[in-house]
């Protein structure tokens, strides 16, 4: 590990410890756990698709957590933070974006195909039954 990486790691650790201490702002206590709970709802740009803002270790995720912390310090609610982040990054920031358009079609088509397939299967099975009393 190079000297730069050591210094960066120590600085990040110290900053995390500092930010994890409760902060009194706008009459409420903001904890690092509050930040992580909110960050888990977002997918920072540059992070792998399977990681959220709470779990990704990339610089963009760290910056997002700091931004969320500052917004909470200012007394913003999670809903207000959501609107701020969407206006800044678009719907791509959401870990679970709203389902509409092609996305809704992608989810609906398999269900429709399964239901139609079951219906056709039932009709075929009923058509092969021998007549009653025959």
N, C-alpha and C. Protein backbone atom coordinates (compact mmCIF):
# COMPACT_ATOMS: atom_id res chain seq x y z
N UNK A 1 0.86 -1.17 0.00
CA UNK A 1 0.00 0.00 0.00
C UNK A 1 0.90 1.23 0.00
N UNK A 2 0.66 2.13 -0.92
CA UNK A 2 1.50 3.33 -1.03
C UNK A 2 1.16 4.31 0.08
N UNK A 3 2.04 5.28 0.27
CA UNK A 3 1.85 6.29 1.31
C UNK A 3 0.57 7.09 1.05
N UNK A 4 0.32 7.42 -0.21
CA UNK A 4 -0.89 8.17 -0.57
C UNK A 4 -2.15 7.39 -0.19
N UNK A 5 -2.16 6.09 -0.48
CA UNK A 5 -3.32 5.26 -0.15
C UNK A 5 -3.52 5.19 1.36
N UNK A 6 -2.43 5.10 2.11
CA UNK A 6 -2.53 5.06 3.57
C UNK A 6 -3.12 6.35 4.11
N UNK A 7 -2.61 7.47 3.62
CA UNK A 7 -3.10 8.78 4.08
C UNK A 7 -4.58 8.94 3.72
N UNK A 8 -4.94 8.54 2.49
CA UNK A 8 -6.33 8.64 2.05
C UNK A 8 -7.23 7.76 2.91
N UNK A 9 -6.78 6.55 3.21
CA UNK A 9 -7.56 5.64 4.03
C UNK A 9 -7.76 6.19 5.44
N UNK A 10 -6.69 6.70 6.03
CA UNK A 10 -6.78 7.26 7.38
C UNK A 10 -7.70 8.48 7.38
N UNK A 11 -7.56 9.35 6.37
CA UNK A 11 -8.41 10.54 6.29
C UNK A 11 -9.88 10.15 6.14
N UNK A 12 -10.16 9.15 5.30
CA UNK A 12 -11.54 8.70 5.12
C UNK A 12 -12.09 8.11 6.41
N UNK A 13 -11.26 7.35 7.12
CA UNK A 13 -11.68 6.77 8.39
C UNK A 13 -11.99 7.85 9.42
N UNK A 14 -11.11 8.84 9.52
CA UNK A 14 -11.34 9.93 10.47
C UNK A 14 -12.60 10.72 10.13
N UNK A 15 -12.80 10.97 8.84
CA UNK A 15 -13.99 11.70 8.43
C UNK A 15 -15.26 10.89 8.72
N UNK A 16 -15.19 9.59 8.48
CA UNK A 16 -16.33 8.73 8.77
C UNK A 16 -16.65 8.73 10.26
N UNK A 17 -15.61 8.63 11.08
CA UNK A 17 -15.83 8.68 12.53
C UNK A 17 -16.42 10.01 12.96
N UNK A 18 -15.92 11.08 12.37
CA UNK A 18 -16.44 12.41 12.70
C UNK A 18 -17.91 12.52 12.30
N UNK A 19 -18.24 12.04 11.11
CA UNK A 19 -19.61 12.16 10.62
C UNK A 19 -20.56 11.18 11.30
N UNK A 20 -20.03 10.10 11.86
CA UNK A 20 -20.91 9.14 12.51
C UNK A 20 -21.35 9.60 13.90
N UNK A 21 -20.68 10.59 14.44
CA UNK A 21 -21.11 11.15 15.72
C UNK A 21 -22.41 11.91 15.51
N UNK A 22 -23.31 11.87 16.48
CA UNK A 22 -24.57 12.61 16.31
C UNK A 22 -24.33 14.11 16.14
N UNK A 23 -25.10 14.69 15.26
CA UNK A 23 -25.00 16.11 14.99
C UNK A 23 -26.37 16.72 15.27
N UNK A 24 -26.39 17.83 15.99
CA UNK A 24 -27.66 18.49 16.28
C UNK A 24 -27.87 19.60 15.26
N UNK A 25 -28.94 19.45 14.48
CA UNK A 25 -29.24 20.44 13.45
C UNK A 25 -30.74 20.51 13.28
N UNK A 26 -31.23 21.70 13.19
CA UNK A 26 -32.67 21.93 12.96
C UNK A 26 -33.52 21.17 13.97
N UNK A 27 -33.01 21.07 15.21
CA UNK A 27 -33.78 20.44 16.27
C UNK A 27 -33.83 18.92 16.19
N UNK A 28 -33.02 18.30 15.37
CA UNK A 28 -33.03 16.85 15.26
C UNK A 28 -31.61 16.32 15.27
N UNK A 29 -31.47 15.05 15.59
CA UNK A 29 -30.17 14.41 15.61
C UNK A 29 -30.00 13.64 14.31
N UNK A 30 -28.90 13.88 13.63
CA UNK A 30 -28.60 13.17 12.39
C UNK A 30 -27.46 12.20 12.68
N UNK A 31 -27.68 10.94 12.40
CA UNK A 31 -26.64 9.94 12.60
C UNK A 31 -26.18 9.40 11.25
N UNK A 32 -25.04 8.75 11.27
CA UNK A 32 -24.52 8.17 10.04
C UNK A 32 -25.44 7.05 9.57
N UNK A 33 -26.11 6.37 10.50
CA UNK A 33 -27.06 5.32 10.13
C UNK A 33 -28.23 5.91 9.35
N UNK A 34 -28.67 7.11 9.72
CA UNK A 34 -29.73 7.80 8.95
C UNK A 34 -29.28 8.01 7.52
N UNK A 35 -28.03 8.44 7.37
CA UNK A 35 -27.47 8.69 6.04
C UNK A 35 -27.44 7.39 5.24
N UNK A 36 -26.97 6.31 5.85
CA UNK A 36 -26.88 5.03 5.14
C UNK A 36 -28.26 4.49 4.77
N UNK A 37 -29.25 4.69 5.65
CA UNK A 37 -30.61 4.24 5.33
C UNK A 37 -31.15 4.95 4.09
N UNK A 38 -30.91 6.24 4.00
CA UNK A 38 -31.38 7.00 2.84
C UNK A 38 -30.53 6.67 1.61
N UNK A 39 -29.21 6.56 1.79
CA UNK A 39 -28.31 6.28 0.67
C UNK A 39 -28.60 4.92 0.04
N UNK A 40 -29.17 3.99 0.82
CA UNK A 40 -29.46 2.66 0.28
C UNK A 40 -30.56 2.69 -0.78
N UNK A 41 -31.26 3.81 -0.91
CA UNK A 41 -32.33 3.94 -1.90
C UNK A 41 -31.82 4.49 -3.23
N UNK A 42 -30.52 4.78 -3.30
CA UNK A 42 -29.97 5.44 -4.49
C UNK A 42 -28.81 4.65 -5.08
N UNK A 43 -28.63 4.81 -6.38
CA UNK A 43 -27.53 4.16 -7.11
C UNK A 43 -26.64 5.25 -7.69
N UNK A 44 -25.51 5.52 -7.04
CA UNK A 44 -24.64 6.59 -7.52
C UNK A 44 -24.05 6.29 -8.89
N UNK A 45 -23.84 7.31 -9.71
CA UNK A 45 -23.21 7.10 -11.01
C UNK A 45 -21.81 6.53 -10.81
N UNK A 46 -21.43 5.57 -11.63
CA UNK A 46 -20.10 5.00 -11.55
C UNK A 46 -19.99 3.78 -10.66
N UNK A 47 -21.03 3.46 -9.91
CA UNK A 47 -21.01 2.28 -9.04
C UNK A 47 -21.59 1.08 -9.79
N UNK A 48 -21.14 -0.13 -9.46
CA UNK A 48 -21.72 -1.31 -10.10
C UNK A 48 -23.23 -1.38 -9.84
N UNK A 49 -23.99 -1.94 -10.77
CA UNK A 49 -25.45 -1.96 -10.64
C UNK A 49 -25.96 -2.65 -9.38
N UNK A 50 -25.21 -3.59 -8.84
CA UNK A 50 -25.69 -4.33 -7.67
C UNK A 50 -25.46 -3.59 -6.35
N UNK A 51 -24.77 -2.45 -6.38
CA UNK A 51 -24.45 -1.72 -5.15
C UNK A 51 -25.24 -0.42 -5.06
N UNK A 52 -25.63 -0.07 -3.85
CA UNK A 52 -26.34 1.19 -3.61
C UNK A 52 -25.38 2.21 -3.02
N UNK A 53 -25.89 3.39 -2.76
CA UNK A 53 -25.07 4.44 -2.16
C UNK A 53 -24.57 4.09 -0.78
N UNK A 54 -25.23 3.16 -0.10
CA UNK A 54 -24.81 2.76 1.24
C UNK A 54 -23.70 1.72 1.20
N UNK A 55 -23.61 0.95 0.12
CA UNK A 55 -22.64 -0.16 0.08
C UNK A 55 -21.49 0.05 -0.89
N UNK A 56 -21.65 0.91 -1.86
CA UNK A 56 -20.60 1.14 -2.86
C UNK A 56 -19.44 1.90 -2.23
N UNK A 57 -18.21 1.54 -2.60
CA UNK A 57 -17.02 2.19 -2.04
C UNK A 57 -16.37 3.18 -3.01
N UNK A 58 -17.02 3.43 -4.13
CA UNK A 58 -16.48 4.39 -5.10
C UNK A 58 -16.60 5.81 -4.56
N UNK A 59 -15.81 6.71 -5.12
CA UNK A 59 -15.80 8.11 -4.67
C UNK A 59 -17.18 8.76 -4.85
N UNK A 60 -17.89 8.42 -5.94
CA UNK A 60 -19.20 9.01 -6.19
C UNK A 60 -20.18 8.65 -5.08
N UNK A 61 -20.11 7.42 -4.58
CA UNK A 61 -21.00 7.00 -3.49
C UNK A 61 -20.65 7.75 -2.21
N UNK A 62 -19.38 7.92 -1.97
CA UNK A 62 -18.94 8.67 -0.78
C UNK A 62 -19.45 10.11 -0.86
N UNK A 63 -19.31 10.72 -2.03
CA UNK A 63 -19.80 12.09 -2.21
C UNK A 63 -21.32 12.17 -2.01
N UNK A 64 -22.03 11.15 -2.49
CA UNK A 64 -23.48 11.11 -2.32
C UNK A 64 -23.85 11.03 -0.84
N UNK A 65 -23.13 10.19 -0.08
CA UNK A 65 -23.41 10.08 1.35
C UNK A 65 -23.16 11.40 2.06
N UNK A 66 -22.09 12.09 1.70
CA UNK A 66 -21.79 13.39 2.31
C UNK A 66 -22.90 14.39 1.96
N UNK A 67 -23.34 14.38 0.70
CA UNK A 67 -24.42 15.29 0.28
C UNK A 67 -25.71 15.00 1.06
N UNK A 68 -26.04 13.74 1.23
CA UNK A 68 -27.23 13.37 2.01
C UNK A 68 -27.07 13.83 3.45
N UNK A 69 -25.89 13.65 4.02
CA UNK A 69 -25.64 14.09 5.39
C UNK A 69 -25.86 15.59 5.53
N UNK A 70 -25.32 16.35 4.61
CA UNK A 70 -25.47 17.81 4.66
C UNK A 70 -26.93 18.23 4.52
N UNK A 71 -27.66 17.55 3.63
CA UNK A 71 -29.08 17.87 3.46
C UNK A 71 -29.87 17.54 4.73
N UNK A 72 -29.54 16.43 5.37
CA UNK A 72 -30.20 16.10 6.63
C UNK A 72 -29.86 17.12 7.71
N UNK A 73 -28.61 17.57 7.72
CA UNK A 73 -28.21 18.61 8.67
C UNK A 73 -29.03 19.88 8.49
N UNK A 74 -29.39 20.17 7.24
CA UNK A 74 -30.18 21.37 6.93
C UNK A 74 -31.65 21.18 7.28
N UNK A 75 -32.01 19.98 7.73
CA UNK A 75 -33.39 19.72 8.12
C UNK A 75 -34.26 19.20 7.00
N UNK A 76 -33.67 18.78 5.88
CA UNK A 76 -34.45 18.24 4.76
C UNK A 76 -35.00 16.86 5.13
N UNK A 77 -36.19 16.57 4.64
CA UNK A 77 -36.81 15.26 4.85
C UNK A 77 -36.32 14.31 3.75
N UNK A 78 -36.47 12.99 3.96
CA UNK A 78 -36.10 12.04 2.90
C UNK A 78 -36.81 12.32 1.57
N UNK A 79 -38.07 12.76 1.62
CA UNK A 79 -38.81 13.07 0.38
C UNK A 79 -38.19 14.28 -0.32
N UNK A 80 -37.79 15.28 0.45
CA UNK A 80 -37.14 16.46 -0.14
C UNK A 80 -35.78 16.09 -0.72
N UNK A 81 -35.05 15.23 -0.02
CA UNK A 81 -33.75 14.78 -0.51
C UNK A 81 -33.94 14.02 -1.82
N UNK A 82 -34.97 13.20 -1.89
CA UNK A 82 -35.26 12.45 -3.12
C UNK A 82 -35.48 13.40 -4.29
N UNK A 83 -36.29 14.44 -4.08
CA UNK A 83 -36.56 15.40 -5.15
C UNK A 83 -35.29 16.14 -5.56
N UNK A 84 -34.47 16.51 -4.60
CA UNK A 84 -33.22 17.21 -4.90
C UNK A 84 -32.30 16.32 -5.74
N UNK A 85 -32.15 15.06 -5.34
CA UNK A 85 -31.25 14.15 -6.06
C UNK A 85 -31.79 13.83 -7.45
N UNK A 86 -33.11 13.67 -7.58
CA UNK A 86 -33.69 13.41 -8.91
C UNK A 86 -33.50 14.61 -9.81
N UNK A 87 -33.68 15.82 -9.27
CA UNK A 87 -33.50 17.01 -10.11
C UNK A 87 -32.04 17.18 -10.51
N UNK A 88 -31.12 16.71 -9.68
CA UNK A 88 -29.70 16.84 -9.98
C UNK A 88 -29.19 15.74 -10.91
N UNK A 89 -29.63 14.48 -10.67
CA UNK A 89 -29.10 13.34 -11.41
C UNK A 89 -30.10 12.68 -12.35
N UNK A 90 -31.39 12.95 -12.19
CA UNK A 90 -32.41 12.27 -12.98
C UNK A 90 -32.83 10.98 -12.30
N UNK A 91 -33.75 10.24 -12.92
CA UNK A 91 -34.26 8.99 -12.34
C UNK A 91 -33.22 7.90 -12.27
N UNK A 92 -32.09 8.06 -12.98
CA UNK A 92 -31.04 7.05 -12.95
C UNK A 92 -30.42 6.91 -11.57
N UNK A 93 -30.57 7.91 -10.72
CA UNK A 93 -29.99 7.87 -9.37
C UNK A 93 -30.77 6.91 -8.47
N UNK A 94 -32.02 6.60 -8.82
CA UNK A 94 -32.86 5.75 -7.97
C UNK A 94 -32.44 4.29 -8.09
N UNK A 95 -32.29 3.63 -6.96
CA UNK A 95 -31.96 2.20 -6.96
C UNK A 95 -33.14 1.38 -7.51
N UNK A 96 -34.36 1.87 -7.28
CA UNK A 96 -35.57 1.23 -7.81
C UNK A 96 -36.37 2.29 -8.55
N UNK A 97 -35.99 2.56 -9.82
CA UNK A 97 -36.70 3.61 -10.56
C UNK A 97 -38.15 3.23 -10.81
N UNK A 98 -39.00 4.25 -11.04
CA UNK A 98 -40.41 3.96 -11.31
C UNK A 98 -40.56 3.12 -12.57
N UNK A 99 -41.52 2.19 -12.54
CA UNK A 99 -41.75 1.31 -13.68
C UNK A 99 -42.76 1.98 -14.60
N UNK A 100 -42.30 2.36 -15.78
CA UNK A 100 -43.19 2.94 -16.79
C UNK A 100 -42.58 2.73 -18.17
N UNK A 101 -43.42 2.90 -19.18
CA UNK A 101 -42.95 2.77 -20.55
C UNK A 101 -42.49 1.36 -20.86
N UNK A 102 -41.33 1.25 -21.49
CA UNK A 102 -40.78 -0.04 -21.89
C UNK A 102 -40.51 -0.91 -20.67
N UNK A 103 -40.10 -0.29 -19.56
CA UNK A 103 -39.85 -1.05 -18.34
C UNK A 103 -41.08 -1.79 -17.85
N UNK A 104 -42.23 -1.13 -17.93
CA UNK A 104 -43.49 -1.77 -17.52
C UNK A 104 -43.83 -2.91 -18.48
N UNK A 105 -43.56 -2.70 -19.76
CA UNK A 105 -43.84 -3.73 -20.76
C UNK A 105 -42.97 -4.96 -20.52
N UNK A 106 -41.71 -4.74 -20.16
CA UNK A 106 -40.80 -5.85 -19.90
C UNK A 106 -41.30 -6.70 -18.74
N UNK A 107 -41.90 -6.08 -17.74
CA UNK A 107 -42.43 -6.83 -16.61
C UNK A 107 -43.79 -7.46 -16.93
N UNK A 108 -44.59 -6.83 -17.76
CA UNK A 108 -45.95 -7.31 -18.03
C UNK A 108 -45.98 -8.46 -19.03
N UNK A 109 -45.14 -8.43 -20.05
CA UNK A 109 -45.20 -9.43 -21.13
C UNK A 109 -45.02 -10.85 -20.60
N UNK A 110 -44.02 -11.16 -19.77
CA UNK A 110 -43.91 -12.55 -19.29
C UNK A 110 -45.15 -13.02 -18.53
N UNK A 111 -45.73 -12.16 -17.72
CA UNK A 111 -46.94 -12.55 -16.98
C UNK A 111 -48.09 -12.83 -17.93
N UNK A 112 -48.25 -12.00 -18.95
CA UNK A 112 -49.32 -12.20 -19.93
C UNK A 112 -49.10 -13.50 -20.70
N UNK A 113 -47.86 -13.77 -21.10
CA UNK A 113 -47.56 -15.00 -21.84
C UNK A 113 -47.85 -16.23 -20.98
N UNK A 114 -47.50 -16.19 -19.71
CA UNK A 114 -47.77 -17.33 -18.82
C UNK A 114 -49.27 -17.55 -18.67
N UNK A 115 -50.02 -16.49 -18.48
CA UNK A 115 -51.48 -16.61 -18.32
C UNK A 115 -52.11 -17.16 -19.60
N UNK A 116 -51.70 -16.64 -20.76
CA UNK A 116 -52.23 -17.14 -22.04
C UNK A 116 -51.84 -18.60 -22.24
N UNK A 117 -50.62 -18.95 -21.91
CA UNK A 117 -50.16 -20.34 -22.05
C UNK A 117 -50.97 -21.29 -21.18
N UNK A 118 -51.24 -20.90 -19.95
CA UNK A 118 -52.07 -21.73 -19.07
C UNK A 118 -53.49 -21.87 -19.63
N UNK A 119 -54.04 -20.77 -20.15
CA UNK A 119 -55.38 -20.82 -20.74
C UNK A 119 -55.44 -21.77 -21.92
N UNK A 120 -54.45 -21.70 -22.80
CA UNK A 120 -54.41 -22.59 -23.97
C UNK A 120 -54.24 -24.04 -23.52
N UNK A 121 -53.39 -24.27 -22.54
CA UNK A 121 -53.18 -25.62 -22.01
C UNK A 121 -54.48 -26.20 -21.46
N UNK A 122 -55.22 -25.40 -20.70
CA UNK A 122 -56.49 -25.87 -20.13
C UNK A 122 -57.49 -26.19 -21.24
N UNK A 123 -57.56 -25.36 -22.28
CA UNK A 123 -58.48 -25.62 -23.41
C UNK A 123 -58.10 -26.91 -24.13
N UNK A 124 -56.82 -27.15 -24.31
CA UNK A 124 -56.38 -28.38 -25.00
C UNK A 124 -56.72 -29.60 -24.16
N UNK A 125 -56.45 -29.53 -22.85
CA UNK A 125 -56.74 -30.67 -21.98
C UNK A 125 -58.24 -30.95 -21.94
N UNK A 126 -59.06 -29.94 -21.87
CA UNK A 126 -60.51 -30.12 -21.86
C UNK A 126 -61.00 -30.71 -23.19
N UNK A 127 -60.39 -30.34 -24.29
CA UNK A 127 -60.80 -30.83 -25.60
C UNK A 127 -60.46 -32.30 -25.81
N UNK A 128 -59.52 -32.85 -25.07
CA UNK A 128 -59.12 -34.25 -25.24
C UNK A 128 -59.90 -35.21 -24.34
N UNK A 129 -60.72 -34.71 -23.48
CA UNK A 129 -61.49 -35.59 -22.59
C UNK A 129 -62.52 -36.38 -23.41
N UNK A 130 -62.70 -37.66 -23.06
CA UNK A 130 -63.75 -38.43 -23.75
C UNK A 130 -65.12 -37.93 -23.31
N UNK A 131 -66.10 -38.01 -24.20
CA UNK A 131 -67.45 -37.55 -23.85
C UNK A 131 -68.01 -38.37 -22.69
N UNK A 132 -68.77 -37.71 -21.85
CA UNK A 132 -69.37 -38.36 -20.68
C UNK A 132 -70.52 -39.25 -21.16
N UNK A 133 -70.58 -40.50 -20.67
CA UNK A 133 -71.66 -41.43 -21.00
C UNK A 133 -71.50 -42.04 -22.39
N UNK A 134 -70.36 -41.94 -23.00
CA UNK A 134 -70.24 -42.41 -24.35
C UNK A 134 -69.65 -43.69 -24.54
